[in-house]
Amino acid sequence: MNSKAINRESGQALPLGIAFLMSTILLGLVLFNTGQTASERSRLINTADAAVYSGLVWQARALNFQAYT
């Protein structure tokens, strides 16, 4: 190759590298958002389960109190 061909080809990997970098960043953001959503959903389900369990414990205590008095 002569020097003119080399000069004309310089920087050809830059658009490909930028596209790869942007797609990697986008994938990272999507994965992070998915993880945050799953974590929040799990926390919400645990909170709802704890509230239901607490209510049922109080109901059981009330029924036990009624049974023994």
Protein backbone atom coordinates (compact mmCIF):
# COMPACT_ATOMS: atom_id res chain seq x y z
CA MET A 1 0.00 0.00 0.00
CA ASN A 2 1.18 3.48 -0.63
CA SER A 3 1.02 6.33 1.86
CA LYS A 4 -2.05 7.93 0.23
CA ALA A 5 -4.09 4.77 0.75
CA ILE A 6 -2.98 4.56 4.37
CA ASN A 7 -3.91 8.21 5.02
CA ARG A 8 -7.30 7.73 3.41
CA GLU A 9 -8.05 4.72 5.63
CA SER A 10 -7.06 6.33 8.91
CA GLY A 11 -9.91 6.67 11.38
CA GLN A 12 -12.12 4.06 9.73
CA ALA A 13 -12.38 2.07 12.96
CA LEU A 14 -13.58 5.11 14.90
CA PRO A 15 -17.27 4.97 13.83
CA LEU A 16 -17.35 1.24 14.51
CA GLY A 17 -15.73 1.75 17.91
CA ILE A 18 -18.16 4.52 18.81
CA ALA A 19 -21.14 2.38 17.77
CA PHE A 20 -19.82 -0.53 19.84
CA LEU A 21 -19.23 1.73 22.84
CA MET A 22 -22.71 3.26 22.61
CA SER A 23 -24.38 -0.15 22.30
CA THR A 24 -22.39 -1.42 25.30
CA ILE A 25 -23.42 1.60 27.39
CA LEU A 26 -27.06 1.17 26.32
CA LEU A 27 -26.97 -2.52 27.24
CA GLY A 28 -25.46 -1.65 30.62
CA LEU A 29 -28.20 0.90 31.30
CA VAL A 30 -30.92 -1.58 30.33
CA LEU A 31 -29.43 -4.25 32.59
CA PHE A 32 -29.10 -1.79 35.47
CA ASN A 33 -32.70 -0.63 35.06
CA THR A 34 -33.91 -4.24 34.91
CA GLY A 35 -32.03 -5.02 38.12
CA GLN A 36 -33.48 -2.01 39.88
CA THR A 37 -36.99 -2.95 38.77
CA ALA A 38 -36.58 -6.55 39.94
CA SER A 39 -35.18 -5.38 43.28
CA GLU A 40 -38.05 -2.94 43.81
CA ARG A 41 -40.61 -5.59 42.87
CA SER A 42 -39.08 -8.04 45.32
CA ARG A 43 -39.07 -5.43 48.09
CA LEU A 44 -42.72 -4.58 47.39
CA ILE A 45 -43.76 -8.24 47.48
CA ASN A 46 -41.88 -8.78 50.76
CA THR A 47 -43.59 -5.73 52.28
CA ALA A 48 -47.03 -6.94 51.20
CA ASP A 49 -46.33 -10.43 52.56
CA ALA A 50 -45.18 -9.00 55.90
CA ALA A 51 -48.33 -6.87 56.16
CA VAL A 52 -50.59 -9.84 55.43
CA TYR A 53 -48.70 -12.01 57.92
CA SER A 54 -48.98 -9.34 60.60
CA GLY A 55 -52.71 -9.00 60.04
CA LEU A 56 -53.22 -12.75 60.22
CA VAL A 57 -51.20 -12.99 63.44
CA TRP A 58 -53.43 -10.37 65.04
CA GLN A 59 -56.51 -12.21 63.80
CA ALA A 60 -55.21 -15.49 65.25
CA ARG A 61 -54.52 -13.80 68.58
CA ALA A 62 -58.03 -12.36 68.66
CA LEU A 63 -59.58 -15.74 67.84
CA ASN A 64 -57.45 -17.45 70.49
CA PHE A 65 -58.49 -14.83 73.03
CA GLN A 66 -62.16 -15.39 72.17
CA ALA A 67 -61.75 -19.16 72.40
CA TYR A 68 -60.23 -19.06 75.89
CA THR A 69 -62.48 -16.41 77.46
